[in-house]
Amino acid sequence: MASRRSIVVLAVTAAAVGATTEAVPAAGAGRTAGDLLTGWTLLACGAWGLALHPRFSDNSIVYLSYSGPGDGGVSTELMRAKLGATRLEDAKVIFRQEPKTTGGIHFGGRIVFDRAGFLYLTLGERGQMQRAQVPGNHHGSVIRLHDDGRVPADNPFVGKSDWKPEKFDLGHRNMQGAAFHPQTAMLWTHEHGPQGGDEINVIRAGTNYGWPVITYGANYGTGTKIGEGTHKAGMAQPLYYWVPSIAPSGMAFYTGDRFPKWKGNLFIGALRDEMLVRLVLDGEKVVKEERLLKGVLGRIRDVRNGPDGYIYLLTDENNGVMARLEP
């Protein structure tokens, strides 16, 4: 039971997650991450994701996703940099979501690597739902790249007229969780639905996940139907969905030994009701859901399976915390 678990608060953040760049000094020779981020991240909705290169111990390379301004507005960008002694060095933007648009919502921004070293970046549709079905932009898609930003030759839309070659799929609203299954090596994501219809999907190359043509959500306020319903030929159904919404954020498969009964379970943070959701799986089917820590820590923004076997949680309150869940 959740009441028998121990929660250790490890750190208190200075502000909401993604709303500070103070840890990245902009002074000194060369172009640093601070040069790219300082001064506009608060206005443009901040930083979204951080990931280490699969060979980080050898090359010290890190990746950050953030909302970057430019002609036409703001969009998610991906930066690659080297972690130096006191700052990020040799910062280079290796991907920009196109086109840039106005508004401050639905950036996505989760970064994960597969076993072959390919990089995947989740992108929201920036609050302009119809863009999720447009081949010629990146909105509402998972993006697949080489570690230096090059487009893999086997991406599903490479060579197709009017398609962005970086796209791996299409038809998403706002994915804020991504993790590879430890046994199947398939990419799983989750995304926010509108007033219901939060989804978990297993990502397959070239698949259309339907937003906004199909959804289990509804228009805010009125509750009226969005799109054509919940099913349509040629569009994938979610593996799992929530009505009403839980506002999912962050996800991790548990592979440690500290909680042996939880091994193989999927953990998801939830902003609404401030909780941690545990899902028991049978292949690509959810057979049980348990809601933990409701109202205990605050809005859980991210969930990580630590190398020490503990589960780590991050909240995005003004006085947010990093916490470790222990048996």
C-alpha atoms as a PDB file:
ATOM      1  CA  MET A   1       0.000   0.000   0.000  1.00  0.00           C
ATOM      2  CA  ALA A   2       1.116   3.559  -0.625  1.00  0.00           C
ATOM      3  CA  SER A   3       0.928   4.408   3.091  1.00  0.00           C
ATOM      4  CA  ARG A   4       3.696   1.913   3.832  1.00  0.00           C
ATOM      5  CA  ARG A   5       6.156   3.433   1.410  1.00  0.00           C
ATOM      6  CA  SER A   6       8.839   5.846   2.534  1.00  0.00           C
ATOM      7  CA  ILE A   7       9.321   9.125   0.660  1.00  0.00           C
ATOM      8  CA  VAL A   8      12.666  10.887   0.965  1.00  0.00           C
ATOM      9  CA  VAL A   9      12.762  14.502  -0.202  1.00  0.00           C
ATOM     10  CA  LEU A  10      16.188  14.978  -1.777  1.00  0.00           C
ATOM     11  CA  ALA A  11      16.130  18.564  -3.001  1.00  0.00           C
ATOM     12  CA  VAL A  12      13.945  21.627  -3.286  1.00  0.00           C
ATOM     13  CA  THR A  13      13.963  23.431  -6.617  1.00  0.00           C
ATOM     14  CA  ALA A  14      14.248  27.185  -6.893  1.00  0.00           C
ATOM     15  CA  ALA A  15      11.160  27.487  -9.067  1.00  0.00           C
ATOM     16  CA  ALA A  16       8.834  25.480 -11.247  1.00  0.00           C
ATOM     17  CA  VAL A  17      10.470  22.854 -13.403  1.00  0.00           C
ATOM     18  CA  GLY A  18      11.639  24.309 -16.705  1.00  0.00           C
ATOM     19  CA  ALA A  19      11.472  27.905 -15.510  1.00  0.00           C
ATOM     20  CA  THR A  20      15.108  28.596 -14.728  1.00  0.00           C
ATOM     21  CA  THR A  21      18.441  28.577 -16.519  1.00  0.00           C
ATOM     22  CA  GLU A  22      20.522  29.692 -13.551  1.00  0.00           C
ATOM     23  CA  ALA A  23      22.486  26.438 -13.572  1.00  0.00           C
ATOM     24  CA  VAL A  24      23.897  27.235 -17.011  1.00  0.00           C
ATOM     25  CA  PRO A  25      26.246  30.284 -16.871  1.00  0.00           C
ATOM     26  CA  ALA A  26      26.345  32.336 -20.054  1.00  0.00           C
ATOM     27  CA  ALA A  27      29.712  33.953 -19.407  1.00  0.00           C
ATOM     28  CA  GLY A  28      33.002  32.867 -20.892  1.00  0.00           C
ATOM     29  CA  ALA A  29      34.426  32.075 -24.296  1.00  0.00           C
ATOM     30  CA  GLY A  30      32.387  30.241 -26.911  1.00  0.00           C
ATOM     31  CA  ARG A  31      28.664  29.731 -27.209  1.00  0.00           C
ATOM     32  CA  THR A  32      27.071  28.192 -24.154  1.00  0.00           C
ATOM     33  CA  ALA A  33      23.605  26.865 -23.453  1.00  0.00           C
ATOM     34  CA  GLY A  34      23.010  30.013 -21.447  1.00  0.00           C
ATOM     35  CA  ASP A  35      23.495  32.103 -24.592  1.00  0.00           C
ATOM     36  CA  LEU A  36      20.657  30.183 -26.219  1.00  0.00           C
ATOM     37  CA  LEU A  37      18.278  30.079 -23.279  1.00  0.00           C
ATOM     38  CA  THR A  38      18.829  33.012 -20.931  1.00  0.00           C
ATOM     39  CA  GLY A  39      16.382  35.850 -21.245  1.00  0.00           C
ATOM     40  CA  TRP A  40      13.455  34.235 -23.001  1.00  0.00           C
ATOM     41  CA  THR A  41      12.725  30.801 -21.568  1.00  0.00           C
ATOM     42  CA  LEU A  42      10.219  32.119 -19.035  1.00  0.00           C
ATOM     43  CA  LEU A  43       8.283  33.994 -21.702  1.00  0.00           C
ATOM     44  CA  ALA A  44       8.442  31.130 -24.198  1.00  0.00           C
ATOM     45  CA  CYS A  45       7.421  28.420 -21.721  1.00  0.00           C
ATOM     46  CA  GLY A  46      10.813  27.074 -20.785  1.00  0.00           C
ATOM     47  CA  ALA A  47      12.856  23.903 -20.994  1.00  0.00           C
ATOM     48  CA  TRP A  48      11.174  20.549 -21.521  1.00  0.00           C
ATOM     49  CA  GLY A  49      13.566  17.637 -21.606  1.00  0.00           C
ATOM     50  CA  LEU A  50      17.086  16.554 -20.721  1.00  0.00           C
ATOM     51  CA  ALA A  51      18.821  13.374 -21.831  1.00  0.00           C
ATOM     52  CA  LEU A  52      22.339  11.971 -21.755  1.00  0.00           C
ATOM     53  CA  HIS A  53      24.000  10.568 -24.847  1.00  0.00           C
ATOM     54  CA  PRO A  54      24.097   6.744 -24.713  1.00  0.00           C
ATOM     55  CA  ARG A  55      27.916   7.034 -24.507  1.00  0.00           C
ATOM     56  CA  PHE A  56      27.864   9.942 -22.068  1.00  0.00           C
ATOM     57  CA  SER A  57      30.620   8.417 -19.928  1.00  0.00           C
ATOM     58  CA  ASP A  58      32.937   8.681 -22.945  1.00  0.00           C
ATOM     59  CA  ASN A  59      31.802  11.919 -24.645  1.00  0.00           C
ATOM     60  CA  SER A  60      29.973  13.995 -21.954  1.00  0.00           C
ATOM     61  CA  ILE A  61      27.276  14.947 -24.493  1.00  0.00           C
ATOM     62  CA  VAL A  62      23.827  16.012 -23.273  1.00  0.00           C
ATOM     63  CA  TYR A  63      20.614  16.998 -25.055  1.00  0.00           C
ATOM     64  CA  LEU A  64      18.063  19.618 -24.028  1.00  0.00           C
ATOM     65  CA  SER A  65      14.674  20.385 -25.535  1.00  0.00           C
ATOM     66  CA  TYR A  66      13.156  23.792 -24.999  1.00  0.00           C
ATOM     67  CA  SER A  67      10.790  26.306 -26.556  1.00  0.00           C
ATOM     68  CA  GLY A  68      12.778  28.499 -28.933  1.00  0.00           C
ATOM     69  CA  PRO A  69      11.657  31.764 -30.581  1.00  0.00           C
ATOM     70  CA  GLY A  70      12.045  32.677 -34.232  1.00  0.00           C
ATOM     71  CA  ASP A  71      10.201  33.924 -37.284  1.00  0.00           C
ATOM     72  CA  GLY A  72       6.509  33.287 -36.778  1.00  0.00           C
ATOM     73  CA  GLY A  73       6.566  32.542 -33.081  1.00  0.00           C
ATOM     74  CA  VAL A  74       7.898  29.729 -30.908  1.00  0.00           C
ATOM     75  CA  SER A  75       8.482  26.001 -31.301  1.00  0.00           C
ATOM     76  CA  THR A  76      10.300  23.113 -29.679  1.00  0.00           C
ATOM     77  CA  GLU A  77      14.020  22.971 -30.408  1.00  0.00           C
ATOM     78  CA  LEU A  78      16.645  20.362 -29.595  1.00  0.00           C
ATOM     79  CA  MET A  79      20.126  21.336 -28.470  1.00  0.00           C
ATOM     80  CA  ARG A  80      23.218  19.154 -28.203  1.00  0.00           C
ATOM     81  CA  ALA A  81      26.087  20.258 -25.961  1.00  0.00           C
ATOM     82  CA  LYS A  82      29.074  18.958 -24.032  1.00  0.00           C
ATOM     83  CA  LEU A  83      28.999  19.016 -20.257  1.00  0.00           C
ATOM     84  CA  GLY A  84      32.121  20.834 -19.117  1.00  0.00           C
ATOM     85  CA  ALA A  85      33.419  21.368 -15.606  1.00  0.00           C
ATOM     86  CA  THR A  86      31.139  24.304 -14.845  1.00  0.00           C
ATOM     87  CA  ARG A  87      28.943  24.835 -17.898  1.00  0.00           C
ATOM     88  CA  LEU A  88      27.575  23.374 -21.120  1.00  0.00           C
ATOM     89  CA  GLU A  89      29.954  23.948 -24.031  1.00  0.00           C
ATOM     90  CA  ASP A  90      29.831  23.725 -27.834  1.00  0.00           C
ATOM     91  CA  ALA A  91      26.052  24.091 -27.793  1.00  0.00           C
ATOM     92  CA  LYS A  92      24.426  23.466 -31.147  1.00  0.00           C
ATOM     93  CA  VAL A  93      20.766  23.390 -32.139  1.00  0.00           C
ATOM     94  CA  ILE A  94      20.317  20.166 -34.124  1.00  0.00           C
ATOM     95  CA  PHE A  95      16.551  20.316 -34.675  1.00  0.00           C
ATOM     96  CA  ARG A  96      13.833  22.982 -34.835  1.00  0.00           C
ATOM     97  CA  GLN A  97      10.129  22.183 -35.021  1.00  0.00           C
ATOM     98  CA  GLU A  98       8.637  23.789 -38.117  1.00  0.00           C
ATOM     99  CA  PRO A  99       6.776  25.988 -38.543  1.00  0.00           C
ATOM    100  CA  LYS A 100       7.069  28.203 -35.497  1.00  0.00           C
ATOM    101  CA  THR A 101       3.685  29.335 -34.253  1.00  0.00           C
ATOM    102  CA  THR A 102       2.126  31.648 -31.701  1.00  0.00           C
ATOM    103  CA  GLY A 103       0.751  30.500 -28.364  1.00  0.00           C
ATOM    104  CA  GLY A 104       2.288  28.929 -25.302  1.00  0.00           C
ATOM    105  CA  ILE A 105       0.958  25.361 -25.097  1.00  0.00           C
ATOM    106  CA  HIS A 106       1.592  21.815 -26.345  1.00  0.00           C
ATOM    107  CA  PHE A 107       5.352  21.684 -26.880  1.00  0.00           C
ATOM    108  CA  GLY A 108       5.952  18.012 -25.979  1.00  0.00           C
ATOM    109  CA  GLY A 109       9.718  17.790 -25.620  1.00  0.00           C
ATOM    110  CA  ARG A 110      10.576  14.357 -24.160  1.00  0.00           C
ATOM    111  CA  ILE A 111      13.895  12.918 -25.384  1.00  0.00           C
ATOM    112  CA  VAL A 112      14.747   9.195 -25.400  1.00  0.00           C
ATOM    113  CA  PHE A 113      17.296   6.951 -27.140  1.00  0.00           C
ATOM    114  CA  ASP A 114      16.686   3.434 -28.422  1.00  0.00           C
ATOM    115  CA  ARG A 115      19.134   0.542 -28.167  1.00  0.00           C
ATOM    116  CA  ALA A 116      20.589   1.337 -31.600  1.00  0.00           C
ATOM    117  CA  GLY A 117      21.385   4.898 -30.561  1.00  0.00           C
ATOM    118  CA  PHE A 118      18.626   6.693 -32.474  1.00  0.00           C
ATOM    119  CA  LEU A 119      17.128   9.753 -30.776  1.00  0.00           C
ATOM    120  CA  TYR A 120      13.375  10.260 -30.436  1.00  0.00           C
ATOM    121  CA  LEU A 121      11.768  13.604 -29.567  1.00  0.00           C
ATOM    122  CA  THR A 122       8.063  14.049 -28.839  1.00  0.00           C
ATOM    123  CA  LEU A 123       6.335  17.135 -30.251  1.00  0.00           C
ATOM    124  CA  GLY A 124       2.953  18.639 -29.436  1.00  0.00           C
ATOM    125  CA  GLU A 125       0.692  20.312 -31.996  1.00  0.00           C
ATOM    126  CA  ARG A 126       1.119  23.727 -30.305  1.00  0.00           C
ATOM    127  CA  GLY A 127      -2.586  24.068 -29.596  1.00  0.00           C
ATOM    128  CA  GLN A 128      -3.402  24.120 -33.327  1.00  0.00           C
ATOM    129  CA  MET A 129      -5.016  20.719 -33.561  1.00  0.00           C
ATOM    130  CA  GLN A 130      -5.362  20.421 -37.335  1.00  0.00           C
ATOM    131  CA  ARG A 131      -1.587  20.630 -37.731  1.00  0.00           C
ATOM    132  CA  ALA A 132      -1.260  17.150 -36.218  1.00  0.00           C
ATOM    133  CA  GLN A 133      -2.521  15.714 -39.519  1.00  0.00           C
ATOM    134  CA  VAL A 134      -0.402  17.884 -41.837  1.00  0.00           C
ATOM    135  CA  PRO A 135       2.497  15.942 -43.446  1.00  0.00           C
ATOM    136  CA  GLY A 136       4.541  19.060 -44.144  1.00  0.00           C
ATOM    137  CA  ASN A 137       5.084  20.159 -40.549  1.00  0.00           C
ATOM    138  CA  HIS A 138       6.431  18.524 -37.424  1.00  0.00           C
ATOM    139  CA  HIS A 139       3.495  19.228 -35.120  1.00  0.00           C
ATOM    140  CA  GLY A 140       1.937  16.344 -33.215  1.00  0.00           C
ATOM    141  CA  SER A 141       4.647  13.864 -34.168  1.00  0.00           C
ATOM    142  CA  VAL A 142       7.453  11.767 -32.774  1.00  0.00           C
ATOM    143  CA  ILE A 143      10.716  12.808 -34.418  1.00  0.00           C
ATOM    144  CA  ARG A 144      13.521  10.293 -35.058  1.00  0.00           C
ATOM    145  CA  LEU A 145      17.121  11.424 -35.615  1.00  0.00           C
ATOM    146  CA  HIS A 146      20.717  10.317 -35.501  1.00  0.00           C
ATOM    147  CA  ASP A 147      22.532  11.560 -32.405  1.00  0.00           C
ATOM    148  CA  ASP A 148      23.967  14.500 -34.379  1.00  0.00           C
ATOM    149  CA  GLY A 149      20.623  15.564 -35.848  1.00  0.00           C
ATOM    150  CA  ARG A 150      20.890  13.846 -39.229  1.00  0.00           C
ATOM    151  CA  VAL A 151      17.765  12.161 -40.582  1.00  0.00           C
ATOM    152  CA  PRO A 152      17.928   8.333 -40.673  1.00  0.00           C
ATOM    153  CA  ALA A 153      17.524   6.972 -44.193  1.00  0.00           C
ATOM    154  CA  ASP A 154      14.929   4.441 -42.997  1.00  0.00           C
ATOM    155  CA  ASN A 155      12.557   6.955 -41.433  1.00  0.00           C
ATOM    156  CA  PRO A 156       9.074   6.110 -42.770  1.00  0.00           C
ATOM    157  CA  PHE A 157       8.461   9.344 -44.688  1.00  0.00           C
ATOM    158  CA  VAL A 158      11.919   9.910 -46.176  1.00  0.00           C
ATOM    159  CA  GLY A 159      11.631  10.594 -49.901  1.00  0.00           C
ATOM    160  CA  LYS A 160       7.875  11.211 -49.777  1.00  0.00           C
ATOM    161  CA  SER A 161       6.774  14.466 -51.356  1.00  0.00           C
ATOM    162  CA  ASP A 162       5.468  17.103 -48.917  1.00  0.00           C
ATOM    163  CA  TRP A 163       6.418  15.083 -45.816  1.00  0.00           C
ATOM    164  CA  LYS A 164       8.906  16.185 -43.180  1.00  0.00           C
ATOM    165  CA  PRO A 165      11.579  13.470 -43.224  1.00  0.00           C
ATOM    166  CA  GLU A 166      12.217  13.702 -39.470  1.00  0.00           C
ATOM    167  CA  LYS A 167       8.673  12.529 -38.717  1.00  0.00           C
ATOM    168  CA  PHE A 168       8.331   8.987 -37.379  1.00  0.00           C
ATOM    169  CA  ASP A 169       4.550   9.104 -37.022  1.00  0.00           C
ATOM    170  CA  LEU A 170       1.686  11.625 -36.759  1.00  0.00           C
ATOM    171  CA  GLY A 171      -1.633  12.403 -35.080  1.00  0.00           C
ATOM    172  CA  HIS A 172      -0.675  13.307 -31.500  1.00  0.00           C
ATOM    173  CA  ARG A 173      -1.866  16.149 -29.270  1.00  0.00           C
ATOM    174  CA  ASN A 174       0.801  16.735 -26.606  1.00  0.00           C
ATOM    175  CA  MET A 175       3.120  13.910 -25.553  1.00  0.00           C
ATOM    176  CA  GLN A 176       4.840  14.521 -22.210  1.00  0.00           C
ATOM    177  CA  GLY A 177       5.946  10.995 -21.426  1.00  0.00           C
ATOM    178  CA  ALA A 178       8.152   8.568 -23.368  1.00  0.00           C
ATOM    179  CA  ALA A 179       9.963   5.365 -22.434  1.00  0.00           C
ATOM    180  CA  PHE A 180      11.217   2.220 -24.144  1.00  0.00           C
ATOM    181  CA  HIS A 181       9.798  -1.085 -22.987  1.00  0.00           C
ATOM    182  CA  PRO A 182      12.623  -3.041 -21.309  1.00  0.00           C
ATOM    183  CA  GLN A 183      11.733  -6.348 -23.009  1.00  0.00           C
ATOM    184  CA  THR A 184      10.233  -5.462 -26.388  1.00  0.00           C
ATOM    185  CA  ALA A 185      12.310  -2.296 -26.961  1.00  0.00           C
ATOM    186  CA  MET A 186       9.175  -0.591 -28.323  1.00  0.00           C
ATOM    187  CA  LEU A 187       8.651   3.099 -27.654  1.00  0.00           C
ATOM    188  CA  TRP A 188       5.670   3.895 -25.431  1.00  0.00           C
ATOM    189  CA  THR A 189       4.343   7.448 -25.054  1.00  0.00           C
ATOM    190  CA  HIS A 190       1.481   9.161 -23.339  1.00  0.00           C
ATOM    191  CA  GLU A 191      -0.273  12.390 -24.192  1.00  0.00           C
ATOM    192  CA  HIS A 192      -2.767  14.855 -22.793  1.00  0.00           C
ATOM    193  CA  GLY A 193      -6.311  14.676 -24.079  1.00  0.00           C
ATOM    194  CA  PRO A 194      -8.871  17.516 -24.023  1.00  0.00           C
ATOM    195  CA  GLN A 195     -11.230  17.209 -21.070  1.00  0.00           C
ATOM    196  CA  GLY A 196     -10.685  13.454 -21.088  1.00  0.00           C
ATOM    197  CA  GLY A 197      -8.961  11.182 -23.532  1.00  0.00           C
ATOM    198  CA  ASP A 198      -5.421  11.121 -22.132  1.00  0.00           C
ATOM    199  CA  GLU A 199      -3.737   8.256 -23.984  1.00  0.00           C
ATOM    200  CA  ILE A 200      -0.936   5.703 -23.846  1.00  0.00           C
ATOM    201  CA  ASN A 201       0.318   4.588 -27.256  1.00  0.00           C
ATOM    202  CA  VAL A 202       2.916   2.151 -28.524  1.00  0.00           C
ATOM    203  CA  ILE A 203       4.749   3.997 -31.276  1.00  0.00           C
ATOM    204  CA  ARG A 204       5.133   2.279 -34.635  1.00  0.00           C
ATOM    205  CA  ALA A 205       6.759   3.773 -37.712  1.00  0.00           C
ATOM    206  CA  GLY A 206       4.398   5.610 -40.036  1.00  0.00           C
ATOM    207  CA  THR A 207       1.318   5.162 -37.867  1.00  0.00           C
ATOM    208  CA  ASN A 208      -1.409   7.791 -37.582  1.00  0.00           C
ATOM    209  CA  TYR A 209      -2.662   8.066 -33.989  1.00  0.00           C
ATOM    210  CA  GLY A 210      -5.711  10.047 -34.971  1.00  0.00           C
ATOM    211  CA  TRP A 211      -5.731  13.422 -33.239  1.00  0.00           C
ATOM    212  CA  PRO A 212      -7.884  15.446 -33.798  1.00  0.00           C
ATOM    213  CA  VAL A 213      -9.958  13.258 -36.121  1.00  0.00           C
ATOM    214  CA  ILE A 214     -10.549  10.687 -33.382  1.00  0.00           C
ATOM    215  CA  THR A 215     -10.303  11.167 -29.625  1.00  0.00           C
ATOM    216  CA  TYR A 216     -11.915  10.086 -26.368  1.00  0.00           C
ATOM    217  CA  GLY A 217     -11.808  13.700 -25.182  1.00  0.00           C
ATOM    218  CA  ALA A 218     -14.235  16.567 -25.694  1.00  0.00           C
ATOM    219  CA  ASN A 219     -14.196  20.312 -26.186  1.00  0.00           C
ATOM    220  CA  TYR A 220     -13.396  22.249 -23.047  1.00  0.00           C
ATOM    221  CA  GLY A 221     -16.357  23.868 -21.364  1.00  0.00           C
ATOM    222  CA  THR A 222     -19.055  22.666 -23.747  1.00  0.00           C
ATOM    223  CA  GLY A 223     -18.205  18.965 -23.716  1.00  0.00           C
ATOM    224  CA  THR A 224     -19.087  18.733 -27.398  1.00  0.00           C
ATOM    225  CA  LYS A 225     -17.537  16.179 -29.746  1.00  0.00           C
ATOM    226  CA  ILE A 226     -14.162  16.754 -31.380  1.00  0.00           C
ATOM    227  CA  GLY A 227     -13.573  15.329 -34.839  1.00  0.00           C
ATOM    228  CA  GLU A 228     -15.416  12.278 -36.100  1.00  0.00           C
ATOM    229  CA  GLY A 229     -15.665  10.174 -32.956  1.00  0.00           C
ATOM    230  CA  THR A 230     -13.419   7.593 -31.316  1.00  0.00           C
ATOM    231  CA  HIS A 231     -12.626   5.230 -34.211  1.00  0.00           C
ATOM    232  CA  LYS A 232     -11.680   5.551 -37.858  1.00  0.00           C
ATOM    233  CA  ALA A 233     -10.112   3.139 -40.320  1.00  0.00           C
ATOM    234  CA  GLY A 234      -6.408   3.772 -40.786  1.00  0.00           C
ATOM    235  CA  MET A 235      -6.010   5.420 -37.391  1.00  0.00           C
ATOM    236  CA  ALA A 236      -4.622   3.604 -34.371  1.00  0.00           C
ATOM    237  CA  GLN A 237      -6.486   3.090 -31.118  1.00  0.00           C
ATOM    238  CA  PRO A 238      -4.658   3.922 -27.881  1.00  0.00           C
ATOM    239  CA  LEU A 239      -3.353   1.099 -25.750  1.00  0.00           C
ATOM    240  CA  TYR A 240      -5.050   2.757 -22.773  1.00  0.00           C
ATOM    241  CA  TYR A 241      -6.920   5.980 -22.083  1.00  0.00           C
ATOM    242  CA  TRP A 242      -8.382   7.981 -19.205  1.00  0.00           C
ATOM    243  CA  VAL A 243     -11.770   9.692 -18.957  1.00  0.00           C
ATOM    244  CA  PRO A 244     -11.728  11.982 -17.034  1.00  0.00           C
ATOM    245  CA  SER A 245      -8.174  13.159 -17.581  1.00  0.00           C
ATOM    246  CA  ILE A 246      -5.335  12.613 -15.128  1.00  0.00           C
ATOM    247  CA  ALA A 247      -2.988  15.054 -16.971  1.00  0.00           C
ATOM    248  CA  PRO A 248      -0.083  12.584 -17.353  1.00  0.00           C
ATOM    249  CA  SER A 249       3.522  13.742 -17.267  1.00  0.00           C
ATOM    250  CA  GLY A 250       6.655  11.602 -17.207  1.00  0.00           C
ATOM    251  CA  MET A 251       6.746   7.819 -17.390  1.00  0.00           C
ATOM    252  CA  ALA A 252       9.091   4.947 -16.591  1.00  0.00           C
ATOM    253  CA  PHE A 253       9.070   1.169 -16.649  1.00  0.00           C
ATOM    254  CA  TYR A 254      10.279  -0.168 -13.316  1.00  0.00           C
ATOM    255  CA  THR A 255      13.196  -2.571 -13.753  1.00  0.00           C
ATOM    256  CA  GLY A 256      14.852  -2.433 -10.307  1.00  0.00           C
ATOM    257  CA  ASP A 257      14.927  -4.854  -7.398  1.00  0.00           C
ATOM    258  CA  ARG A 258      13.887  -2.610  -4.488  1.00  0.00           C
ATOM    259  CA  PHE A 259      10.203  -3.213  -5.262  1.00  0.00           C
ATOM    260  CA  PRO A 260      10.124  -6.794  -6.576  1.00  0.00           C
ATOM    261  CA  LYS A 261       6.319  -6.894  -6.844  1.00  0.00           C
ATOM    262  CA  TRP A 262       6.420  -3.819  -9.088  1.00  0.00           C
ATOM    263  CA  LYS A 263       8.980  -5.101 -11.555  1.00  0.00           C
ATOM    264  CA  GLY A 264       7.776  -4.557 -15.116  1.00  0.00           C
ATOM    265  CA  ASN A 265       5.084  -2.093 -14.056  1.00  0.00           C
ATOM    266  CA  LEU A 266       4.667   1.261 -15.784  1.00  0.00           C
ATOM    267  CA  PHE A 267       4.709   4.389 -13.606  1.00  0.00           C
ATOM    268  CA  ILE A 268       3.242   7.707 -14.734  1.00  0.00           C
ATOM    269  CA  GLY A 269       3.143  11.063 -12.993  1.00  0.00           C
ATOM    270  CA  ALA A 270      -0.173  12.904 -12.901  1.00  0.00           C
ATOM    271  CA  LEU A 271      -0.610  16.660 -12.578  1.00  0.00           C
ATOM    272  CA  ARG A 272      -4.312  16.444 -11.887  1.00  0.00           C
ATOM    273  CA  ASP A 273      -4.994  15.031  -8.397  1.00  0.00           C
ATOM    274  CA  GLU A 274      -1.208  15.202  -7.786  1.00  0.00           C
ATOM    275  CA  MET A 275      -0.482  11.491  -7.856  1.00  0.00           C
ATOM    276  CA  LEU A 276       1.645   8.642  -9.149  1.00  0.00           C
ATOM    277  CA  VAL A 277      -0.131   6.049 -11.292  1.00  0.00           C
ATOM    278  CA  ARG A 278       1.041   2.438 -11.350  1.00  0.00           C
ATOM    279  CA  LEU A 279      -0.069   0.252 -14.259  1.00  0.00           C
ATOM    280  CA  VAL A 280       0.248  -3.534 -14.269  1.00  0.00           C
ATOM    281  CA  LEU A 281       0.780  -4.889 -17.774  1.00  0.00           C
ATOM    282  CA  ASP A 282       0.157  -8.073 -19.680  1.00  0.00           C
ATOM    283  CA  GLY A 283       2.004  -7.495 -22.938  1.00  0.00           C
ATOM    284  CA  GLU A 284       0.419  -4.428 -24.517  1.00  0.00           C
ATOM    285  CA  LYS A 285      -2.591  -4.527 -22.226  1.00  0.00           C
ATOM    286  CA  VAL A 286      -3.181  -2.749 -18.911  1.00  0.00           C
ATOM    287  CA  VAL A 287      -4.732  -5.201 -16.449  1.00  0.00           C
ATOM    288  CA  LYS A 288      -4.660  -3.082 -13.283  1.00  0.00           C
ATOM    289  CA  GLU A 289      -4.312   0.573 -12.287  1.00  0.00           C
ATOM    290  CA  GLU A 290      -3.305   1.807  -8.836  1.00  0.00           C
ATOM    291  CA  ARG A 291      -3.179   5.461  -7.782  1.00  0.00           C
ATOM    292  CA  LEU A 292      -0.474   6.317  -5.253  1.00  0.00           C
ATOM    293  CA  LEU A 293       0.644   9.370  -3.237  1.00  0.00           C
ATOM    294  CA  LYS A 294      -2.483  11.345  -4.078  1.00  0.00           C
ATOM    295  CA  GLY A 295      -2.010  14.882  -2.800  1.00  0.00           C
ATOM    296  CA  VAL A 296       1.188  13.980  -0.933  1.00  0.00           C
ATOM    297  CA  LEU A 297       3.928  15.615  -3.015  1.00  0.00           C
ATOM    298  CA  GLY A 298       2.144  17.912  -5.437  1.00  0.00           C
ATOM    299  CA  ARG A 299       2.021  17.851  -9.234  1.00  0.00           C
ATOM    300  CA  ILE A 300       4.333  15.023 -10.298  1.00  0.00           C
ATOM    301  CA  ARG A 301       6.012  16.199 -13.481  1.00  0.00           C
ATOM    302  CA  ASP A 302       8.543  13.421 -14.068  1.00  0.00           C
ATOM    303  CA  VAL A 303       9.186   9.819 -13.025  1.00  0.00           C
ATOM    304  CA  ARG A 304      12.499   7.976 -13.313  1.00  0.00           C
ATOM    305  CA  ASN A 305      13.683   4.449 -12.594  1.00  0.00           C
ATOM    306  CA  GLY A 306      16.976   5.056 -10.767  1.00  0.00           C
ATOM    307  CA  PRO A 307      20.069   2.882 -11.313  1.00  0.00           C
ATOM    308  CA  ASP A 308      19.977   2.166  -7.558  1.00  0.00           C
ATOM    309  CA  GLY A 309      16.550   0.555  -7.846  1.00  0.00           C
ATOM    310  CA  TYR A 310      14.602   3.410  -6.263  1.00  0.00           C
ATOM    311  CA  ILE A 311      11.889   5.412  -8.029  1.00  0.00           C
ATOM    312  CA  TYR A 312      12.576   9.141  -8.367  1.00  0.00           C
ATOM    313  CA  LEU A 313       9.872  11.781  -8.718  1.00  0.00           C
ATOM    314  CA  LEU A 314      10.009  15.460  -9.640  1.00  0.00           C
ATOM    315  CA  THR A 315       7.261  17.986  -8.931  1.00  0.00           C
ATOM    316  CA  ASP A 316       6.677  21.326 -10.638  1.00  0.00           C
ATOM    317  CA  GLU A 317       5.334  23.411  -7.787  1.00  0.00           C
ATOM    318  CA  ASN A 318       6.870  26.799  -6.967  1.00  0.00           C
ATOM    319  CA  ASN A 319       8.593  24.979  -4.128  1.00  0.00           C
ATOM    320  CA  GLY A 320       8.924  21.767  -6.065  1.00  0.00           C
ATOM    321  CA  VAL A 321      10.883  18.766  -4.866  1.00  0.00           C
ATOM    322  CA  MET A 322      12.891  15.846  -6.090  1.00  0.00           C
ATOM    323  CA  ALA A 323      11.814  12.821  -4.087  1.00  0.00           C
ATOM    324  CA  ARG A 324      12.881   9.190  -3.806  1.00  0.00           C
ATOM    325  CA  LEU A 325      10.323   6.467  -3.207  1.00  0.00           C
ATOM    326  CA  GLU A 326      11.637   3.691  -0.966  1.00  0.00           C
ATOM    327  CA  PRO A 327      10.120   0.389   0.201  1.00  0.00           C
END
